[in-house]
C-alpha atoms as a PDB file:
ATOM      1  CA  MET A   1      54.293 178.186 110.628  1.00  0.00           C
ATOM      2  CA  THR A   2      54.272 181.746 109.179  1.00  0.00           C
ATOM      3  CA  LEU A   3      52.632 184.274 111.471  1.00  0.00           C
ATOM      4  CA  THR A   4      50.566 186.542 109.237  1.00  0.00           C
ATOM      5  CA  ARG A   5      48.814 189.697 110.394  1.00  0.00           C
ATOM      6  CA  ARG A   6      45.514 187.832 110.203  1.00  0.00           C
ATOM      7  CA  THR A   7      46.660 184.896 112.367  1.00  0.00           C
ATOM      8  CA  PHE A   8      48.297 187.308 114.820  1.00  0.00           C
ATOM      9  CA  ALA A   9      45.066 189.292 115.108  1.00  0.00           C
ATOM     10  CA  VAL A  10      43.037 186.132 115.661  1.00  0.00           C
ATOM     11  CA  ALA A  11      45.492 184.849 118.282  1.00  0.00           C
ATOM     12  CA  THR A  12      45.575 188.095 120.229  1.00  0.00           C
ATOM     13  CA  ALA A  13      41.800 188.456 120.098  1.00  0.00           C
ATOM     14  CA  SER A  14      41.435 184.925 121.460  1.00  0.00           C
ATOM     15  CA  LEU A  15      43.891 185.663 124.271  1.00  0.00           C
ATOM     16  CA  ALA A  16      42.132 188.894 125.195  1.00  0.00           C
ATOM     17  CA  ALA A  17      38.831 187.016 125.366  1.00  0.00           C
ATOM     18  CA  THR A  18      39.989 184.691 128.141  1.00  0.00           C
ATOM     19  CA  PRO A  19      38.616 185.613 131.602  1.00  0.00           C
ATOM     20  CA  LEU A  20      42.092 186.005 133.087  1.00  0.00           C
ATOM     21  CA  MET A  21      43.149 188.570 130.488  1.00  0.00           C
ATOM     22  CA  ALA A  22      39.762 190.237 130.045  1.00  0.00           C
ATOM     23  CA  ALA A  23      39.557 190.979 133.769  1.00  0.00           C
ATOM     24  CA  THR A  24      42.708 193.124 133.711  1.00  0.00           C
ATOM     25  CA  PRO A  25      43.309 194.336 130.120  1.00  0.00           C
ATOM     26  CA  ARG A  26      45.742 197.126 131.055  1.00  0.00           C
ATOM     27  CA  ARG A  27      47.364 195.703 134.156  1.00  0.00           C
ATOM     28  CA  PRO A  28      50.554 193.627 133.943  1.00  0.00           C
ATOM     29  CA  ILE A  29      50.583 190.190 135.502  1.00  0.00           C
ATOM     30  CA  VAL A  30      52.786 190.063 138.595  1.00  0.00           C
ATOM     31  CA  ILE A  31      54.648 186.755 138.930  1.00  0.00           C
ATOM     32  CA  ALA A  32      56.373 185.907 142.208  1.00  0.00           C
ATOM     33  CA  HIS A  33      59.529 184.134 141.056  1.00  0.00           C
ATOM     34  CA  ARG A  34      60.284 181.465 143.693  1.00  0.00           C
ATOM     35  CA  GLY A  35      57.881 183.350 145.966  1.00  0.00           C
ATOM     36  CA  ALA A  36      59.102 186.403 147.859  1.00  0.00           C
ATOM     37  CA  SER A  37      62.664 185.185 147.422  1.00  0.00           C
ATOM     38  CA  GLY A  38      65.152 187.424 149.155  1.00  0.00           C
ATOM     39  CA  GLU A  39      62.768 187.948 152.051  1.00  0.00           C
ATOM     40  CA  ARG A  40      62.030 184.307 152.821  1.00  0.00           C
ATOM     41  CA  PRO A  41      63.913 181.150 151.771  1.00  0.00           C
ATOM     42  CA  GLU A  42      62.945 180.537 148.157  1.00  0.00           C
ATOM     43  CA  HIS A  43      60.256 178.041 147.206  1.00  0.00           C
ATOM     44  CA  THR A  44      58.794 177.745 150.678  1.00  0.00           C
ATOM     45  CA  PRO A  45      55.178 178.212 151.746  1.00  0.00           C
ATOM     46  CA  ALA A  46      56.233 181.299 153.693  1.00  0.00           C
ATOM     47  CA  ALA A  47      57.780 182.814 150.570  1.00  0.00           C
ATOM     48  CA  TYR A  48      54.625 182.162 148.546  1.00  0.00           C
ATOM     49  CA  ARG A  49      52.275 183.558 151.187  1.00  0.00           C
ATOM     50  CA  LEU A  50      54.349 186.714 151.590  1.00  0.00           C
ATOM     51  CA  ALA A  51      54.332 187.165 147.813  1.00  0.00           C
ATOM     52  CA  VAL A  52      50.535 187.004 147.835  1.00  0.00           C
ATOM     53  CA  ASP A  53      50.454 189.609 150.601  1.00  0.00           C
ATOM     54  CA  GLN A  54      52.684 191.775 148.401  1.00  0.00           C
ATOM     55  CA  GLY A  55      50.159 191.587 145.561  1.00  0.00           C
ATOM     56  CA  CYS A  56      51.332 188.893 143.173  1.00  0.00           C
ATOM     57  CA  ASP A  57      48.942 187.261 140.703  1.00  0.00           C
ATOM     58  CA  PHE A  58      50.932 184.047 140.201  1.00  0.00           C
ATOM     59  CA  ILE A  59      53.392 182.084 142.287  1.00  0.00           C
ATOM     60  CA  GLU A  60      56.191 180.367 140.391  1.00  0.00           C
ATOM     61  CA  PRO A  61      57.327 176.915 141.583  1.00  0.00           C
ATOM     62  CA  ASP A  62      60.306 175.260 139.869  1.00  0.00           C
ATOM     63  CA  LEU A  63      59.761 171.512 139.619  1.00  0.00           C
ATOM     64  CA  VAL A  64      62.103 168.546 139.957  1.00  0.00           C
ATOM     65  CA  LEU A  65      61.383 164.893 140.733  1.00  0.00           C
ATOM     66  CA  THR A  66      62.076 162.613 143.668  1.00  0.00           C
ATOM     67  CA  LYS A  67      63.411 159.082 143.329  1.00  0.00           C
ATOM     68  CA  ASP A  68      59.838 157.805 143.643  1.00  0.00           C
ATOM     69  CA  GLY A  69      58.560 160.166 140.956  1.00  0.00           C
ATOM     70  CA  VAL A  70      56.901 162.915 142.996  1.00  0.00           C
ATOM     71  CA  LEU A  71      56.967 166.521 141.777  1.00  0.00           C
ATOM     72  CA  VAL A  72      58.709 168.670 144.373  1.00  0.00           C
ATOM     73  CA  VAL A  73      59.658 172.319 144.337  1.00  0.00           C
ATOM     74  CA  ARG A  74      63.327 173.303 144.095  1.00  0.00           C
ATOM     75  CA  HIS A  75      65.089 175.681 141.739  1.00  0.00           C
ATOM     76  CA  GLU A  76      67.607 172.967 140.843  1.00  0.00           C
ATOM     77  CA  ASN A  77      67.783 169.245 141.380  1.00  0.00           C
ATOM     78  CA  GLU A  78      70.972 169.831 143.434  1.00  0.00           C
ATOM     79  CA  ILE A  79      69.616 170.646 146.889  1.00  0.00           C
ATOM     80  CA  ALA A  80      72.606 171.473 149.110  1.00  0.00           C
ATOM     81  CA  GLY A  81      72.274 175.198 148.441  1.00  0.00           C
ATOM     82  CA  THR A  82      68.698 175.446 149.705  1.00  0.00           C
ATOM     83  CA  THR A  83      68.413 172.716 152.366  1.00  0.00           C
ATOM     84  CA  ASP A  84      70.357 171.411 155.353  1.00  0.00           C
ATOM     85  CA  VAL A  85      71.223 168.127 153.621  1.00  0.00           C
ATOM     86  CA  ALA A  86      74.978 168.732 153.855  1.00  0.00           C
ATOM     87  CA  SER A  87      74.761 168.760 157.645  1.00  0.00           C
ATOM     88  CA  ARG A  88      72.775 165.526 157.873  1.00  0.00           C
ATOM     89  CA  PRO A  89      75.127 162.604 158.612  1.00  0.00           C
ATOM     90  CA  GLU A  90      72.550 160.011 157.562  1.00  0.00           C
ATOM     91  CA  PHE A  91      72.762 161.351 154.005  1.00  0.00           C
ATOM     92  CA  ALA A  92      76.524 161.890 153.775  1.00  0.00           C
ATOM     93  CA  GLY A  93      76.846 158.894 151.459  1.00  0.00           C
ATOM     94  CA  ARG A  94      74.445 160.450 148.924  1.00  0.00           C
ATOM     95  CA  ARG A  95      76.937 163.152 147.960  1.00  0.00           C
ATOM     96  CA  THR A  96      77.973 162.562 144.377  1.00  0.00           C
ATOM     97  CA  SER A  97      79.006 164.189 141.119  1.00  0.00           C
ATOM     98  CA  LYS A  98      76.731 164.293 138.057  1.00  0.00           C
ATOM     99  CA  VAL A  99      76.658 165.850 134.625  1.00  0.00           C
ATOM    100  CA  VAL A 100      73.378 167.746 134.346  1.00  0.00           C
ATOM    101  CA  ASP A 101      72.614 169.457 131.047  1.00  0.00           C
ATOM    102  CA  GLY A 102      76.301 169.438 130.144  1.00  0.00           C
ATOM    103  CA  GLU A 103      77.532 170.834 133.470  1.00  0.00           C
ATOM    104  CA  THR A 104      79.411 168.793 136.076  1.00  0.00           C
ATOM    105  CA  ILE A 105      77.856 169.376 139.487  1.00  0.00           C
ATOM    106  CA  GLU A 106      78.807 167.939 142.866  1.00  0.00           C
ATOM    107  CA  GLY A 107      76.377 167.669 145.729  1.00  0.00           C
ATOM    108  CA  TRP A 108      73.104 166.041 146.713  1.00  0.00           C
ATOM    109  CA  PHE A 109      70.324 165.559 144.186  1.00  0.00           C
ATOM    110  CA  ALA A 110      66.560 165.381 144.654  1.00  0.00           C
ATOM    111  CA  GLU A 111      66.210 162.356 142.374  1.00  0.00           C
ATOM    112  CA  ASP A 112      68.387 160.315 144.761  1.00  0.00           C
ATOM    113  CA  PHE A 113      65.899 160.770 147.622  1.00  0.00           C
ATOM    114  CA  THR A 114      62.385 159.486 148.173  1.00  0.00           C
ATOM    115  CA  LEU A 115      59.738 162.007 149.105  1.00  0.00           C
ATOM    116  CA  SER A 116      59.690 160.815 152.701  1.00  0.00           C
ATOM    117  CA  GLU A 117      63.462 161.327 152.927  1.00  0.00           C
ATOM    118  CA  LEU A 118      63.295 164.796 151.402  1.00  0.00           C
ATOM    119  CA  LYS A 119      60.565 165.753 153.840  1.00  0.00           C
ATOM    120  CA  THR A 120      63.005 165.271 156.731  1.00  0.00           C
ATOM    121  CA  LEU A 121      65.194 168.083 155.380  1.00  0.00           C
ATOM    122  CA  ARG A 122      64.709 171.731 156.285  1.00  0.00           C
ATOM    123  CA  THR A 123      64.860 174.584 153.801  1.00  0.00           C
ATOM    124  CA  ARG A 124      67.295 177.482 154.083  1.00  0.00           C
ATOM    125  CA  GLU A 125      68.307 180.730 152.389  1.00  0.00           C
ATOM    126  CA  ARG A 126      70.584 180.175 149.391  1.00  0.00           C
ATOM    127  CA  LEU A 127      72.577 183.419 149.884  1.00  0.00           C
ATOM    128  CA  PRO A 128      72.677 183.998 153.659  1.00  0.00           C
ATOM    129  CA  ALA A 129      75.494 186.564 153.589  1.00  0.00           C
ATOM    130  CA  LEU A 130      73.548 188.679 151.106  1.00  0.00           C
ATOM    131  CA  ARG A 131      70.118 188.059 152.648  1.00  0.00           C
ATOM    132  CA  PRO A 132      70.506 187.709 156.424  1.00  0.00           C
ATOM    133  CA  ALA A 133      66.898 188.719 157.067  1.00  0.00           C
ATOM    134  CA  SER A 134      65.727 185.826 154.917  1.00  0.00           C
ATOM    135  CA  ALA A 135      68.239 183.471 156.535  1.00  0.00           C
ATOM    136  CA  ALA A 136      66.563 184.175 159.870  1.00  0.00           C
ATOM    137  CA  PHE A 137      63.785 181.867 158.622  1.00  0.00           C
ATOM    138  CA  ASP A 138      66.124 178.929 157.949  1.00  0.00           C
ATOM    139  CA  GLY A 139      65.032 175.543 159.193  1.00  0.00           C
ATOM    140  CA  ARG A 140      61.344 176.322 159.614  1.00  0.00           C
ATOM    141  CA  GLU A 141      59.855 174.482 156.642  1.00  0.00           C
ATOM    142  CA  ALA A 142      60.178 171.363 154.538  1.00  0.00           C
ATOM    143  CA  ILE A 143      60.452 171.106 150.763  1.00  0.00           C
ATOM    144  CA  PRO A 144      56.910 171.440 149.387  1.00  0.00           C
ATOM    145  CA  THR A 145      55.424 169.151 146.773  1.00  0.00           C
ATOM    146  CA  PHE A 146      53.796 170.657 143.705  1.00  0.00           C
ATOM    147  CA  GLN A 147      50.433 169.463 144.998  1.00  0.00           C
ATOM    148  CA  GLU A 148      51.014 171.370 148.223  1.00  0.00           C
ATOM    149  CA  VAL A 149      51.766 174.511 146.222  1.00  0.00           C
ATOM    150  CA  ILE A 150      48.573 174.089 144.189  1.00  0.00           C
ATOM    151  CA  ASP A 151      46.634 173.665 147.432  1.00  0.00           C
ATOM    152  CA  LEU A 152      48.349 176.738 148.862  1.00  0.00           C
ATOM    153  CA  ALA A 153      47.394 178.804 145.808  1.00  0.00           C
ATOM    154  CA  LYS A 154      43.758 177.759 146.181  1.00  0.00           C
ATOM    155  CA  ALA A 155      43.771 178.565 149.902  1.00  0.00           C
ATOM    156  CA  GLU A 156      45.453 181.913 149.296  1.00  0.00           C
ATOM    157  CA  SER A 157      42.867 182.723 146.620  1.00  0.00           C
ATOM    158  CA  GLN A 158      40.170 182.257 149.261  1.00  0.00           C
ATOM    159  CA  ARG A 159      42.081 184.300 151.822  1.00  0.00           C
ATOM    160  CA  ALA A 160      42.962 187.140 149.454  1.00  0.00           C
ATOM    161  CA  GLY A 161      39.605 187.229 147.696  1.00  0.00           C
ATOM    162  CA  ARG A 162      41.211 187.013 144.240  1.00  0.00           C
ATOM    163  CA  VAL A 163      42.578 184.291 142.006  1.00  0.00           C
ATOM    164  CA  ILE A 164      46.186 183.295 142.682  1.00  0.00           C
ATOM    165  CA  GLY A 165      47.558 181.298 139.783  1.00  0.00           C
ATOM    166  CA  VAL A 166      50.527 178.958 139.493  1.00  0.00           C
ATOM    167  CA  TYR A 167      53.382 179.293 137.001  1.00  0.00           C
ATOM    168  CA  PRO A 168      55.307 175.988 137.184  1.00  0.00           C
ATOM    169  CA  GLU A 169      58.647 175.509 135.461  1.00  0.00           C
ATOM    170  CA  MET A 170      59.945 172.034 134.630  1.00  0.00           C
ATOM    171  CA  LYS A 171      63.656 171.796 135.395  1.00  0.00           C
ATOM    172  CA  HIS A 172      66.120 169.525 133.583  1.00  0.00           C
ATOM    173  CA  PRO A 173      63.585 167.358 131.687  1.00  0.00           C
ATOM    174  CA  THR A 174      66.203 165.893 129.324  1.00  0.00           C
ATOM    175  CA  TYR A 175      68.483 164.923 132.190  1.00  0.00           C
ATOM    176  CA  LEU A 176      65.632 163.491 134.241  1.00  0.00           C
ATOM    177  CA  ALA A 177      64.489 161.405 131.278  1.00  0.00           C
ATOM    178  CA  SER A 178      68.026 160.027 130.979  1.00  0.00           C
ATOM    179  CA  VAL A 179      67.741 158.592 134.502  1.00  0.00           C
ATOM    180  CA  GLY A 180      64.284 157.156 133.900  1.00  0.00           C
ATOM    181  CA  LEU A 181      62.163 159.987 135.297  1.00  0.00           C
ATOM    182  CA  GLN A 182      59.701 161.653 132.932  1.00  0.00           C
ATOM    183  CA  ILE A 183      58.594 165.014 134.293  1.00  0.00           C
ATOM    184  CA  GLU A 184      56.230 166.101 131.504  1.00  0.00           C
ATOM    185  CA  PRO A 185      53.489 163.474 131.963  1.00  0.00           C
ATOM    186  CA  ARG A 186      53.581 163.902 135.732  1.00  0.00           C
ATOM    187  CA  LEU A 187      53.005 167.633 135.397  1.00  0.00           C
ATOM    188  CA  ALA A 188      50.197 167.064 132.888  1.00  0.00           C
ATOM    189  CA  GLU A 189      48.552 164.583 135.254  1.00  0.00           C
ATOM    190  CA  ALA A 190      48.820 166.998 138.193  1.00  0.00           C
ATOM    191  CA  LEU A 191      47.263 169.843 136.219  1.00  0.00           C
ATOM    192  CA  LYS A 192      44.413 167.621 135.027  1.00  0.00           C
ATOM    193  CA  ALA A 193      43.762 166.270 138.529  1.00  0.00           C
ATOM    194  CA  ASN A 194      43.447 169.823 139.861  1.00  0.00           C
ATOM    195  CA  GLY A 195      41.245 171.209 137.097  1.00  0.00           C
ATOM    196  CA  LEU A 196      44.068 173.285 135.660  1.00  0.00           C
ATOM    197  CA  ASN A 197      43.952 171.829 132.151  1.00  0.00           C
ATOM    198  CA  SER A 198      41.705 174.328 130.388  1.00  0.00           C
ATOM    199  CA  ARG A 199      42.479 177.463 128.401  1.00  0.00           C
ATOM    200  CA  THR A 200      40.965 179.639 131.109  1.00  0.00           C
ATOM    201  CA  ALA A 201      42.740 177.995 134.054  1.00  0.00           C
ATOM    202  CA  PRO A 202      45.041 180.312 136.047  1.00  0.00           C
ATOM    203  CA  VAL A 203      48.216 178.501 135.040  1.00  0.00           C
ATOM    204  CA  PHE A 204      51.202 178.974 132.758  1.00  0.00           C
ATOM    205  CA  VAL A 205      53.732 176.197 132.117  1.00  0.00           C
ATOM    206  CA  GLN A 206      57.323 177.014 131.268  1.00  0.00           C
ATOM    207  CA  CYS A 207      60.486 175.100 130.469  1.00  0.00           C
ATOM    208  CA  PHE A 208      63.849 176.182 129.060  1.00  0.00           C
END
């Protein structure tokens, strides 16, 4: 479609008319990528809450899927870098090698675990040598589900007295589809179930 000056003007006028944009016409939107990553282990409730305390408008959860099709929050589907799975003898046999989006990766993968199994793992700092203060919080929390992050955003909105939005990113949808896991309809269903499926809802969806 050709973007003419008229269609551009109409589109920008429509965007400016939404409550989210109209409320802060000159203020940039602050997005907490993975939460307050660098100060708390990424994609943990503690990281999201600290980001809200620091003034963010949106928290950004990256989404992958479990073996039983639940949306959980990790930056990648390989989870050894951000959990203690490598030290758990009961899961030693799950270590494997996969080609994900053209890249060969060895480790443990979220889609090989049920939600109940993933919930037994503890999160940790991805770069402990670089971020020792964040690593001090290792082992305190479990991997959150997307629903838990939505609930956290709603609770933090009440606590902070302002709207905290969510900015989910779908990770590896083509790869996940190749192993029988469709992430797009699950995200759409979650947004609809939580009233986040309107033009004025405090949500952005991204995927690369």
